Amino acid sequence: MIIYSFNDQLSDTLVEELSKTIKVDMYKHPPVDGGFPFYSSYNVGKVRHFPDAIERYYDDKFRRILYHLDLLGRTVNDVYKWCQIYNKSTGGKGHPPHTHFSGNQLLSIVHFVRTPNQKCFYFVNGGQKYYPDTQNSGDFIVFPSWASHGVDAVEVDNNDRIIVSANVHCKEYMDADLNSAHALVCSNKYRKNMVTKVWSNKQ
């Protein structure tokens, strides 16, 4: 399922800054199964809400990913990213299998900023869980947004598990030969309170 991976660690200073930014009341979510609250900035993932130095760090990494996959210059994208922080006390039952695809998500990315000594993240392959090795502190993984994946509850120590997730939403796509005749654009069509993603030839 993973189409690109590498390891790059945020400095301890930036990790502390990120943690202080996210572990505030506005990102606090109700406890799951009697645990303590966990923190997630998912609801504001459309806007830049990390400290500036961290935003620039991820801008650079996302550009690297698009370049490596030969998508830089051929796509116009919005990147929605968010941070989640929790530990053994706050993880509840984890996150059951799900996907991030709803019509124009091209790639999904997870940066395991800090992880406990437990492989929690998994893909679903043939009805079975598959735990990739690349989920240590600093690991980035990139996978298709339609890939089914989930996260087990944290069952080891109470150190925070900190991850940054992102979805690359593609708005325009051009074929590899850069032929404008093969360019596509994604738009929203509204009908009876429903939104439909529609891909069409770019005019």
N, C-alpha and C. Protein backbone atom coordinates (compact mmCIF):
# COMPACT_ATOMS: atom_id res chain seq x y z
N MET A 1 0.81 -1.20 0.00
CA MET A 1 0.00 0.00 0.00
C MET A 1 0.86 1.27 0.00
N ILE A 2 2.02 1.21 0.62
CA ILE A 2 2.88 2.39 0.70
C ILE A 2 3.57 2.60 -0.63
N ILE A 3 3.47 3.79 -1.19
CA ILE A 3 4.10 4.07 -2.47
C ILE A 3 5.35 4.93 -2.33
N TYR A 4 5.58 5.49 -1.15
CA TYR A 4 6.81 6.23 -0.90
C TYR A 4 6.96 6.39 0.60
N SER A 5 8.19 6.29 1.08
CA SER A 5 8.44 6.48 2.51
C SER A 5 9.85 7.01 2.71
N PHE A 6 10.05 7.72 3.79
CA PHE A 6 11.37 8.18 4.19
C PHE A 6 11.30 8.58 5.65
N ASN A 7 12.45 8.85 6.26
CA ASN A 7 12.48 9.23 7.66
C ASN A 7 13.08 10.63 7.79
N ASP A 8 12.39 11.50 8.48
CA ASP A 8 12.90 12.84 8.75
C ASP A 8 12.25 13.31 10.05
N GLN A 9 13.05 13.58 11.04
CA GLN A 9 12.51 13.88 12.36
C GLN A 9 12.47 15.37 12.63
N LEU A 10 11.34 15.81 13.15
CA LEU A 10 11.26 17.15 13.69
C LEU A 10 12.20 17.26 14.89
N SER A 11 12.82 18.41 15.05
CA SER A 11 13.68 18.62 16.21
C SER A 11 12.84 18.57 17.48
N ASP A 12 13.49 18.28 18.61
CA ASP A 12 12.77 18.25 19.89
C ASP A 12 12.10 19.59 20.17
N THR A 13 12.76 20.67 19.78
CA THR A 13 12.19 22.00 20.00
C THR A 13 10.89 22.18 19.23
N LEU A 14 10.87 21.75 17.94
CA LEU A 14 9.66 21.89 17.13
C LEU A 14 8.57 20.93 17.59
N VAL A 15 8.96 19.74 18.05
CA VAL A 15 7.96 18.80 18.56
C VAL A 15 7.28 19.40 19.79
N GLU A 16 8.06 20.00 20.67
CA GLU A 16 7.50 20.63 21.86
C GLU A 16 6.57 21.79 21.46
N GLU A 17 6.97 22.55 20.45
CA GLU A 17 6.14 23.67 20.00
C GLU A 17 4.84 23.17 19.39
N LEU A 18 4.93 22.10 18.59
CA LEU A 18 3.73 21.51 18.01
C LEU A 18 2.80 21.00 19.09
N SER A 19 3.36 20.30 20.07
CA SER A 19 2.55 19.74 21.15
C SER A 19 1.84 20.84 21.93
N LYS A 20 2.54 21.93 22.22
CA LYS A 20 1.92 23.04 22.95
C LYS A 20 0.81 23.69 22.14
N THR A 21 0.97 23.69 20.82
CA THR A 21 -0.05 24.28 19.95
C THR A 21 -1.32 23.45 19.91
N ILE A 22 -1.16 22.13 19.89
CA ILE A 22 -2.30 21.22 19.71
C ILE A 22 -2.96 20.86 21.03
N LYS A 23 -2.21 20.76 22.10
CA LYS A 23 -2.78 20.35 23.39
C LYS A 23 -3.42 21.54 24.11
N VAL A 24 -4.46 22.06 23.47
CA VAL A 24 -5.22 23.17 24.02
C VAL A 24 -6.70 22.82 23.92
N ASP A 25 -7.53 23.58 24.63
CA ASP A 25 -8.95 23.23 24.74
C ASP A 25 -9.65 23.16 23.39
N MET A 26 -9.30 24.05 22.44
CA MET A 26 -10.03 24.06 21.18
C MET A 26 -9.83 22.77 20.37
N TYR A 27 -8.77 22.02 20.65
CA TYR A 27 -8.52 20.77 19.94
C TYR A 27 -8.79 19.54 20.80
N LYS A 28 -9.34 19.77 21.98
CA LYS A 28 -9.60 18.65 22.90
C LYS A 28 -10.91 17.96 22.51
N HIS A 29 -10.86 16.65 22.44
CA HIS A 29 -12.04 15.86 22.09
C HIS A 29 -12.49 15.05 23.30
N PRO A 30 -13.78 14.74 23.38
CA PRO A 30 -14.28 13.98 24.54
C PRO A 30 -13.57 12.65 24.69
N PRO A 31 -13.46 12.16 25.92
CA PRO A 31 -12.80 10.87 26.14
C PRO A 31 -13.55 9.74 25.47
N VAL A 32 -12.81 8.73 25.09
CA VAL A 32 -13.38 7.53 24.46
C VAL A 32 -13.30 6.40 25.48
N ASP A 33 -14.41 5.75 25.74
CA ASP A 33 -14.46 4.59 26.64
C ASP A 33 -13.88 4.90 28.02
N GLY A 34 -14.18 6.07 28.53
CA GLY A 34 -13.78 6.36 29.89
C GLY A 34 -12.36 6.85 30.06
N GLY A 35 -11.62 7.04 28.98
CA GLY A 35 -10.26 7.53 29.10
C GLY A 35 -10.23 9.04 29.27
N PHE A 36 -9.07 9.61 29.10
CA PHE A 36 -8.92 11.04 29.16
C PHE A 36 -9.12 11.64 27.77
N PRO A 37 -9.35 12.95 27.69
CA PRO A 37 -9.51 13.57 26.37
C PRO A 37 -8.27 13.39 25.51
N PHE A 38 -8.46 13.34 24.20
CA PHE A 38 -7.34 13.32 23.27
C PHE A 38 -7.41 14.60 22.44
N TYR A 39 -6.36 14.87 21.71
CA TYR A 39 -6.26 16.13 20.98
C TYR A 39 -6.15 15.88 19.48
N SER A 40 -6.94 16.60 18.70
CA SER A 40 -6.90 16.48 17.25
C SER A 40 -7.30 17.81 16.63
N SER A 41 -6.51 18.24 15.63
CA SER A 41 -6.85 19.48 14.91
C SER A 41 -7.50 19.18 13.56
N TYR A 42 -8.10 18.00 13.44
CA TYR A 42 -8.70 17.58 12.17
C TYR A 42 -9.71 18.61 11.65
N ASN A 43 -10.51 19.19 12.54
CA ASN A 43 -11.58 20.09 12.10
C ASN A 43 -11.08 21.38 11.47
N VAL A 44 -9.81 21.71 11.69
CA VAL A 44 -9.27 22.92 11.07
C VAL A 44 -8.16 22.58 10.07
N GLY A 45 -8.18 21.33 9.59
CA GLY A 45 -7.13 20.87 8.69
C GLY A 45 -7.04 21.63 7.37
N LYS A 46 -8.09 22.38 7.02
CA LYS A 46 -8.08 23.11 5.76
C LYS A 46 -7.25 24.39 5.83
N VAL A 47 -6.95 24.84 7.05
CA VAL A 47 -6.21 26.10 7.20
C VAL A 47 -4.86 25.83 7.86
N ARG A 48 -3.93 26.74 7.63
CA ARG A 48 -2.60 26.61 8.23
C ARG A 48 -2.70 26.99 9.70
N HIS A 49 -2.53 26.02 10.58
CA HIS A 49 -2.70 26.27 12.01
C HIS A 49 -1.50 25.85 12.85
N PHE A 50 -0.44 25.34 12.21
CA PHE A 50 0.78 25.01 12.93
C PHE A 50 1.65 26.28 13.05
N PRO A 51 2.59 26.31 13.99
CA PRO A 51 3.55 27.42 14.03
C PRO A 51 4.29 27.53 12.70
N ASP A 52 4.71 28.74 12.36
CA ASP A 52 5.28 29.01 11.03
C ASP A 52 6.43 28.09 10.66
N ALA A 53 7.34 27.84 11.58
CA ALA A 53 8.50 26.99 11.27
C ALA A 53 8.05 25.57 10.93
N ILE A 54 7.00 25.11 11.58
CA ILE A 54 6.50 23.75 11.31
C ILE A 54 5.73 23.73 10.00
N GLU A 55 4.98 24.78 9.71
CA GLU A 55 4.30 24.87 8.42
C GLU A 55 5.33 24.81 7.29
N ARG A 56 6.43 25.56 7.41
CA ARG A 56 7.45 25.54 6.37
C ARG A 56 8.10 24.17 6.26
N TYR A 57 8.29 23.50 7.37
CA TYR A 57 8.85 22.14 7.37
C TYR A 57 7.97 21.21 6.53
N TYR A 58 6.67 21.26 6.76
CA TYR A 58 5.78 20.36 6.02
C TYR A 58 5.60 20.80 4.57
N ASP A 59 5.63 22.09 4.29
CA ASP A 59 5.62 22.54 2.90
C ASP A 59 6.76 21.88 2.13
N ASP A 60 7.95 21.88 2.73
CA ASP A 60 9.13 21.29 2.10
C ASP A 60 8.97 19.79 1.90
N LYS A 61 8.44 19.11 2.89
CA LYS A 61 8.29 17.65 2.79
C LYS A 61 7.22 17.27 1.77
N PHE A 62 6.12 18.01 1.72
CA PHE A 62 5.08 17.69 0.75
C PHE A 62 5.56 17.97 -0.67
N ARG A 63 6.36 19.01 -0.85
CA ARG A 63 6.95 19.28 -2.16
C ARG A 63 7.88 18.14 -2.56
N ARG A 64 8.66 17.65 -1.61
CA ARG A 64 9.56 16.52 -1.88
C ARG A 64 8.76 15.29 -2.33
N ILE A 65 7.64 15.05 -1.66
CA ILE A 65 6.82 13.89 -2.01
C ILE A 65 6.27 14.02 -3.43
N LEU A 66 5.72 15.18 -3.77
CA LEU A 66 5.18 15.38 -5.11
C LEU A 66 6.28 15.28 -6.17
N TYR A 67 7.45 15.80 -5.87
CA TYR A 67 8.58 15.71 -6.80
C TYR A 67 8.97 14.24 -7.02
N HIS A 68 9.09 13.49 -5.94
CA HIS A 68 9.49 12.09 -6.05
C HIS A 68 8.49 11.28 -6.86
N LEU A 69 7.23 11.59 -6.75
CA LEU A 69 6.18 10.85 -7.45
C LEU A 69 5.86 11.44 -8.83
N ASP A 70 6.70 12.40 -9.28
CA ASP A 70 6.53 13.03 -10.58
C ASP A 70 5.18 13.71 -10.73
N LEU A 71 4.72 14.30 -9.66
CA LEU A 71 3.45 15.03 -9.69
C LEU A 71 3.65 16.53 -9.54
N LEU A 72 4.85 16.96 -9.19
CA LEU A 72 5.12 18.38 -9.04
C LEU A 72 5.10 19.05 -10.41
N GLY A 73 4.31 20.08 -10.57
CA GLY A 73 4.18 20.75 -11.85
C GLY A 73 3.10 20.17 -12.74
N ARG A 74 2.61 18.98 -12.42
CA ARG A 74 1.52 18.37 -13.20
C ARG A 74 0.19 18.41 -12.47
N THR A 75 0.22 18.82 -11.22
CA THR A 75 -1.01 18.86 -10.44
C THR A 75 -1.12 20.18 -9.70
N VAL A 76 -2.35 20.60 -9.47
CA VAL A 76 -2.64 21.72 -8.58
C VAL A 76 -3.42 21.13 -7.41
N ASN A 77 -2.91 21.38 -6.19
CA ASN A 77 -3.46 20.67 -5.05
C ASN A 77 -3.75 21.60 -3.88
N ASP A 78 -4.68 21.17 -3.05
CA ASP A 78 -4.83 21.68 -1.70
C ASP A 78 -4.38 20.57 -0.76
N VAL A 79 -3.59 20.91 0.24
CA VAL A 79 -3.15 19.91 1.22
C VAL A 79 -3.82 20.23 2.55
N TYR A 80 -4.61 19.29 3.04
CA TYR A 80 -5.26 19.42 4.34
C TYR A 80 -4.47 18.57 5.33
N LYS A 81 -4.00 19.17 6.40
CA LYS A 81 -3.22 18.41 7.37
C LYS A 81 -3.70 18.72 8.78
N TRP A 82 -3.45 17.77 9.67
CA TRP A 82 -3.86 17.92 11.05
C TRP A 82 -2.94 17.09 11.93
N CYS A 83 -2.98 17.38 13.22
CA CYS A 83 -2.16 16.67 14.20
C CYS A 83 -3.06 16.00 15.21
N GLN A 84 -2.66 14.80 15.64
CA GLN A 84 -3.37 14.11 16.71
C GLN A 84 -2.37 13.67 17.77
N ILE A 85 -2.76 13.85 19.02
CA ILE A 85 -1.90 13.51 20.15
C ILE A 85 -2.72 12.73 21.17
N TYR A 86 -2.22 11.57 21.56
CA TYR A 86 -2.89 10.78 22.58
C TYR A 86 -1.90 9.76 23.13
N ASN A 87 -2.31 9.02 24.13
CA ASN A 87 -1.45 8.00 24.72
C ASN A 87 -2.30 6.84 25.21
N LYS A 88 -1.73 5.98 26.01
CA LYS A 88 -2.45 4.79 26.48
C LYS A 88 -3.75 5.17 27.18
N SER A 89 -3.73 6.26 27.91
CA SER A 89 -4.92 6.67 28.67
C SER A 89 -5.99 7.29 27.79
N THR A 90 -5.60 7.85 26.65
CA THR A 90 -6.55 8.63 25.85
C THR A 90 -6.91 7.98 24.53
N GLY A 91 -6.26 6.89 24.17
CA GLY A 91 -6.45 6.32 22.84
C GLY A 91 -7.74 5.56 22.64
N GLY A 92 -8.42 5.20 23.73
CA GLY A 92 -9.66 4.45 23.59
C GLY A 92 -9.44 3.17 22.80
N LYS A 93 -10.32 2.92 21.85
CA LYS A 93 -10.23 1.72 21.03
C LYS A 93 -9.51 1.96 19.70
N GLY A 94 -8.84 3.10 19.61
CA GLY A 94 -8.14 3.39 18.36
C GLY A 94 -9.10 3.91 17.31
N HIS A 95 -8.71 3.73 16.05
CA HIS A 95 -9.50 4.23 14.93
C HIS A 95 -9.78 3.06 14.00
N PRO A 96 -11.03 2.63 13.85
CA PRO A 96 -11.34 1.46 13.03
C PRO A 96 -11.02 1.72 11.57
N PRO A 97 -10.98 0.67 10.75
CA PRO A 97 -10.64 0.82 9.33
C PRO A 97 -11.49 1.87 8.63
N HIS A 98 -10.83 2.68 7.81
CA HIS A 98 -11.50 3.76 7.09
C HIS A 98 -10.62 4.16 5.92
N THR A 99 -11.13 5.00 5.06
CA THR A 99 -10.34 5.56 3.97
C THR A 99 -10.48 7.08 4.01
N HIS A 100 -9.64 7.76 3.22
CA HIS A 100 -9.70 9.22 3.15
C HIS A 100 -10.19 9.70 1.79
N PHE A 101 -10.80 8.82 1.03
CA PHE A 101 -11.18 9.16 -0.34
C PHE A 101 -12.64 9.56 -0.43
N SER A 102 -12.90 10.71 -1.11
CA SER A 102 -14.29 11.11 -1.36
C SER A 102 -14.45 11.73 -2.74
N GLY A 103 -13.43 11.58 -3.59
CA GLY A 103 -13.59 12.05 -4.96
C GLY A 103 -12.38 12.68 -5.59
N ASN A 104 -11.56 13.40 -4.81
CA ASN A 104 -10.39 14.01 -5.44
C ASN A 104 -9.13 13.93 -4.57
N GLN A 105 -9.18 13.15 -3.51
CA GLN A 105 -7.97 12.94 -2.72
C GLN A 105 -7.02 12.05 -3.50
N LEU A 106 -5.84 12.57 -3.77
CA LEU A 106 -4.86 11.86 -4.58
C LEU A 106 -3.96 10.98 -3.72
N LEU A 107 -3.45 11.56 -2.63
CA LEU A 107 -2.52 10.88 -1.74
C LEU A 107 -2.90 11.15 -0.29
N SER A 108 -2.57 10.20 0.56
CA SER A 108 -2.65 10.42 2.01
C SER A 108 -1.26 10.21 2.59
N ILE A 109 -0.96 10.99 3.61
CA ILE A 109 0.38 11.02 4.19
C ILE A 109 0.25 10.92 5.70
N VAL A 110 1.13 10.15 6.32
CA VAL A 110 1.23 10.14 7.78
C VAL A 110 2.68 10.37 8.15
N HIS A 111 2.92 11.31 9.04
CA HIS A 111 4.23 11.51 9.63
C HIS A 111 4.14 11.07 11.08
N PHE A 112 4.87 10.02 11.43
CA PHE A 112 4.88 9.53 12.80
C PHE A 112 5.90 10.38 13.58
N VAL A 113 5.42 11.47 14.13
CA VAL A 113 6.31 12.43 14.78
C VAL A 113 6.98 11.81 16.00
N ARG A 114 6.19 11.25 16.88
CA ARG A 114 6.71 10.50 18.03
C ARG A 114 5.79 9.30 18.23
N THR A 115 6.38 8.13 18.38
CA THR A 115 5.56 6.93 18.51
C THR A 115 6.00 6.11 19.72
N PRO A 116 5.06 5.42 20.36
CA PRO A 116 5.43 4.49 21.44
C PRO A 116 6.06 3.24 20.83
N ASN A 117 6.52 2.38 21.67
CA ASN A 117 7.14 1.14 21.21
C ASN A 117 6.06 0.11 20.88
N GLN A 118 5.22 0.47 19.90
CA GLN A 118 4.12 -0.40 19.49
C GLN A 118 3.71 -0.01 18.08
N LYS A 119 3.58 -0.97 17.21
CA LYS A 119 3.08 -0.69 15.86
C LYS A 119 1.56 -0.66 15.94
N CYS A 120 1.01 0.56 15.84
CA CYS A 120 -0.44 0.75 15.98
C CYS A 120 -1.14 0.87 14.62
N PHE A 121 -0.44 1.43 13.64
CA PHE A 121 -1.04 1.74 12.34
C PHE A 121 -1.04 0.47 11.47
N TYR A 122 -2.15 0.26 10.77
CA TYR A 122 -2.24 -0.92 9.90
C TYR A 122 -3.05 -0.60 8.65
N PHE A 123 -2.78 -1.36 7.61
CA PHE A 123 -3.62 -1.39 6.42
C PHE A 123 -4.47 -2.65 6.47
N VAL A 124 -5.57 -2.64 5.74
CA VAL A 124 -6.40 -3.84 5.61
C VAL A 124 -6.15 -4.41 4.22
N ASN A 125 -5.65 -5.64 4.19
CA ASN A 125 -5.28 -6.31 2.94
C ASN A 125 -5.92 -7.69 2.93
N GLY A 126 -6.87 -7.89 2.03
CA GLY A 126 -7.55 -9.19 1.97
C GLY A 126 -8.28 -9.53 3.25
N GLY A 127 -8.81 -8.51 3.92
CA GLY A 127 -9.55 -8.73 5.16
C GLY A 127 -8.67 -8.88 6.39
N GLN A 128 -7.34 -8.81 6.20
CA GLN A 128 -6.41 -8.97 7.31
C GLN A 128 -5.66 -7.67 7.58
N LYS A 129 -5.28 -7.46 8.82
CA LYS A 129 -4.47 -6.30 9.17
C LYS A 129 -3.02 -6.53 8.76
N TYR A 130 -2.43 -5.50 8.19
CA TYR A 130 -1.02 -5.53 7.81
C TYR A 130 -0.34 -4.32 8.43
N TYR A 131 0.66 -4.56 9.29
CA TYR A 131 1.35 -3.50 10.01
C TYR A 131 2.68 -3.19 9.32
N PRO A 132 2.81 -2.04 8.65
CA PRO A 132 4.07 -1.72 7.99
C PRO A 132 5.17 -1.46 9.02
N ASP A 133 6.41 -1.78 8.62
CA ASP A 133 7.55 -1.53 9.50
C ASP A 133 7.84 -0.04 9.65
N THR A 134 7.48 0.74 8.63
CA THR A 134 7.83 2.17 8.62
C THR A 134 6.82 2.98 9.40
N GLN A 135 6.86 2.82 10.72
CA GLN A 135 6.02 3.65 11.59
C GLN A 135 6.74 3.95 12.90
N ASN A 136 8.05 4.20 12.75
CA ASN A 136 8.86 4.64 13.88
C ASN A 136 8.90 6.16 13.90
N SER A 137 9.38 6.73 14.98
CA SER A 137 9.46 8.19 15.09
C SER A 137 10.25 8.75 13.92
N GLY A 138 9.65 9.71 13.22
CA GLY A 138 10.29 10.34 12.07
C GLY A 138 9.87 9.78 10.73
N ASP A 139 9.25 8.61 10.70
CA ASP A 139 8.86 8.00 9.43
C ASP A 139 7.72 8.77 8.77
N PHE A 140 7.84 8.98 7.47
CA PHE A 140 6.76 9.46 6.62
C PHE A 140 6.31 8.28 5.77
N ILE A 141 5.01 8.08 5.62
CA ILE A 141 4.50 7.12 4.65
C ILE A 141 3.47 7.81 3.77
N VAL A 142 3.46 7.42 2.50
CA VAL A 142 2.53 7.97 1.52
C VAL A 142 1.79 6.80 0.90
N PHE A 143 0.47 6.91 0.80
CA PHE A 143 -0.32 5.81 0.26
C PHE A 143 -1.54 6.38 -0.45
N PRO A 144 -2.17 5.58 -1.34
CA PRO A 144 -3.38 6.06 -2.02
C PRO A 144 -4.49 6.32 -1.01
N SER A 145 -5.23 7.39 -1.22
CA SER A 145 -6.25 7.77 -0.25
C SER A 145 -7.38 6.75 -0.15
N TRP A 146 -7.51 5.90 -1.17
CA TRP A 146 -8.58 4.89 -1.12
C TRP A 146 -8.18 3.67 -0.29
N ALA A 147 -6.92 3.58 0.13
CA ALA A 147 -6.45 2.41 0.88
C ALA A 147 -7.08 2.38 2.27
N SER A 148 -7.67 1.25 2.62
CA SER A 148 -8.29 1.08 3.93
C SER A 148 -7.21 0.91 5.00
N HIS A 149 -7.33 1.69 6.07
CA HIS A 149 -6.32 1.65 7.12
C HIS A 149 -6.97 1.98 8.46
N GLY A 150 -6.29 1.70 9.54
CA GLY A 150 -6.80 1.99 10.87
C GLY A 150 -5.67 2.08 11.87
N VAL A 151 -6.02 2.31 13.11
CA VAL A 151 -5.04 2.45 14.18
C VAL A 151 -5.55 1.71 15.41
N ASP A 152 -4.71 0.84 15.96
CA ASP A 152 -5.06 0.16 17.20
C ASP A 152 -4.92 1.11 18.39
N ALA A 153 -5.58 0.76 19.49
CA ALA A 153 -5.39 1.51 20.72
C ALA A 153 -3.95 1.36 21.19
N VAL A 154 -3.41 2.41 21.78
CA VAL A 154 -2.07 2.34 22.37
C VAL A 154 -2.15 1.55 23.66
N GLU A 155 -1.34 0.51 23.75
CA GLU A 155 -1.39 -0.38 24.91
C GLU A 155 -0.10 -0.38 25.72
N VAL A 156 0.86 0.43 25.32
CA VAL A 156 2.12 0.50 26.06
C VAL A 156 2.22 1.87 26.72
N ASP A 157 3.32 2.18 27.33
CA ASP A 157 3.57 3.36 28.15
C ASP A 157 2.69 4.57 27.84
N ASN A 158 2.75 5.53 28.72
CA ASN A 158 1.91 6.71 28.60
C ASN A 158 2.59 7.88 27.92
N ASN A 159 3.68 7.64 27.19
CA ASN A 159 4.26 8.70 26.38
C ASN A 159 3.30 9.03 25.24
N ASP A 160 3.23 10.30 24.87
CA ASP A 160 2.30 10.71 23.83
C ASP A 160 2.67 10.11 22.48
N ARG A 161 1.65 9.67 21.76
CA ARG A 161 1.80 9.32 20.35
C ARG A 161 1.39 10.56 19.56
N ILE A 162 2.31 11.10 18.79
CA ILE A 162 2.05 12.33 18.04
C ILE A 162 2.20 12.03 16.55
N ILE A 163 1.14 12.27 15.81
CA ILE A 163 1.22 12.07 14.36
C ILE A 163 0.65 13.29 13.65
N VAL A 164 1.17 13.54 12.45
CA VAL A 164 0.60 14.53 11.55
C VAL A 164 0.13 13.79 10.32
N SER A 165 -1.13 13.94 9.99
CA SER A 165 -1.70 13.32 8.79
C SER A 165 -2.06 14.39 7.78
N ALA A 166 -2.07 14.01 6.52
CA ALA A 166 -2.42 14.96 5.47
C ALA A 166 -3.07 14.23 4.31
N ASN A 167 -3.96 14.95 3.63
CA ASN A 167 -4.54 14.49 2.37
C ASN A 167 -4.22 15.51 1.29
N VAL A 168 -3.76 15.02 0.16
CA VAL A 168 -3.51 15.88 -1.00
C VAL A 168 -4.75 15.84 -1.88
N HIS A 169 -5.48 16.96 -1.91
CA HIS A 169 -6.69 17.07 -2.72
C HIS A 169 -6.31 17.66 -4.07
N CYS A 170 -6.48 16.88 -5.11
CA CYS A 170 -6.08 17.32 -6.45
C CYS A 170 -7.21 18.12 -7.10
N LYS A 171 -6.87 19.33 -7.56
CA LYS A 171 -7.85 20.19 -8.24
C LYS A 171 -7.66 20.17 -9.75
N GLU A 172 -6.40 20.03 -10.19
CA GLU A 172 -6.09 19.94 -11.61
C GLU A 172 -5.00 18.89 -11.82
N TYR A 173 -5.13 18.18 -12.93
CA TYR A 173 -4.18 17.09 -13.23
C TYR A 173 -3.84 17.14 -14.72
N MET A 174 -2.54 17.03 -15.00
CA MET A 174 -2.10 16.97 -16.38
C MET A 174 -1.32 15.68 -16.60
N ASP A 175 -1.53 15.06 -17.74
CA ASP A 175 -0.87 13.81 -18.05
C ASP A 175 0.65 13.99 -18.06
N ALA A 176 1.37 12.88 -17.95
CA ALA A 176 2.83 12.92 -17.81
C ALA A 176 3.53 13.57 -19.00
N ASP A 177 2.91 13.55 -20.18
CA ASP A 177 3.54 14.17 -21.34
C ASP A 177 3.28 15.68 -21.40
N LEU A 178 2.62 16.21 -20.34
CA LEU A 178 2.30 17.64 -20.23
C LEU A 178 1.48 18.14 -21.42
N ASN A 179 0.68 17.26 -21.96
CA ASN A 179 -0.21 17.59 -23.06
C ASN A 179 -1.48 18.21 -22.49
N SER A 180 -1.71 19.48 -22.81
CA SER A 180 -2.86 20.16 -22.23
C SER A 180 -4.18 19.53 -22.67
N ALA A 181 -4.16 18.78 -23.75
CA ALA A 181 -5.38 18.11 -24.19
C ALA A 181 -5.78 17.01 -23.21
N HIS A 182 -4.84 16.60 -22.39
CA HIS A 182 -5.12 15.55 -21.40
C HIS A 182 -5.19 16.11 -19.99
N ALA A 183 -5.47 17.39 -19.88
CA ALA A 183 -5.59 18.03 -18.57
C ALA A 183 -7.02 17.90 -18.06
N LEU A 184 -7.13 17.62 -16.76
CA LEU A 184 -8.43 17.47 -16.13
C LEU A 184 -8.57 18.45 -14.98
N VAL A 185 -9.78 18.86 -14.71
CA VAL A 185 -10.05 19.74 -13.58
C VAL A 185 -11.21 19.17 -12.78
N CYS A 186 -11.11 19.28 -11.46
CA CYS A 186 -12.15 18.77 -10.58
C CYS A 186 -12.97 19.95 -10.06
N SER A 187 -14.28 19.81 -10.11
CA SER A 187 -15.16 20.87 -9.61
C SER A 187 -16.28 20.25 -8.78
N ASN A 188 -16.90 21.09 -7.96
CA ASN A 188 -18.03 20.66 -7.15
C ASN A 188 -19.34 20.99 -7.87
N LYS A 189 -20.23 20.04 -7.91
CA LYS A 189 -21.57 20.27 -8.44
C LYS A 189 -22.57 20.09 -7.30
N TYR A 190 -23.45 21.08 -7.13
CA TYR A 190 -24.40 21.05 -6.03
C TYR A 190 -25.80 20.76 -6.55
N ARG A 191 -26.46 19.81 -5.91
CA ARG A 191 -27.83 19.47 -6.31
C ARG A 191 -28.56 18.89 -5.10
N LYS A 192 -29.65 19.53 -4.73
CA LYS A 192 -30.48 19.07 -3.62
C LYS A 192 -29.66 18.79 -2.37
N ASN A 193 -28.88 19.79 -1.98
CA ASN A 193 -28.07 19.71 -0.76
C ASN A 193 -27.01 18.61 -0.80
N MET A 194 -26.67 18.16 -1.98
CA MET A 194 -25.62 17.16 -2.13
C MET A 194 -24.49 17.75 -2.98
N VAL A 195 -23.25 17.37 -2.63
CA VAL A 195 -22.08 17.82 -3.37
C VAL A 195 -21.49 16.62 -4.10
N THR A 196 -21.27 16.80 -5.39
CA THR A 196 -20.69 15.75 -6.22
C THR A 196 -19.39 16.27 -6.82
N LYS A 197 -18.33 15.45 -6.74
CA LYS A 197 -17.07 15.79 -7.39
C LYS A 197 -17.15 15.36 -8.85
N VAL A 198 -16.87 16.30 -9.74
CA VAL A 198 -16.94 16.02 -11.18
C VAL A 198 -15.61 16.36 -11.84
N TRP A 199 -15.04 15.37 -12.54
CA TRP A 199 -13.81 15.60 -13.31
C TRP A 199 -14.19 15.85 -14.76
N SER A 200 -13.59 16.89 -15.35
CA SER A 200 -13.89 17.20 -16.75
C SER A 200 -12.62 17.71 -17.44
N ASN A 201 -12.63 17.70 -18.76
CA ASN A 201 -11.49 18.23 -19.51
C ASN A 201 -11.34 19.71 -19.25
N LYS A 202 -10.10 20.13 -19.03
CA LYS A 202 -9.84 21.53 -18.80
C LYS A 202 -9.97 22.30 -20.10
N GLN A 203 -10.70 23.39 -20.10
CA GLN A 203 -10.94 24.17 -21.31
C GLN A 203 -9.78 25.12 -21.55
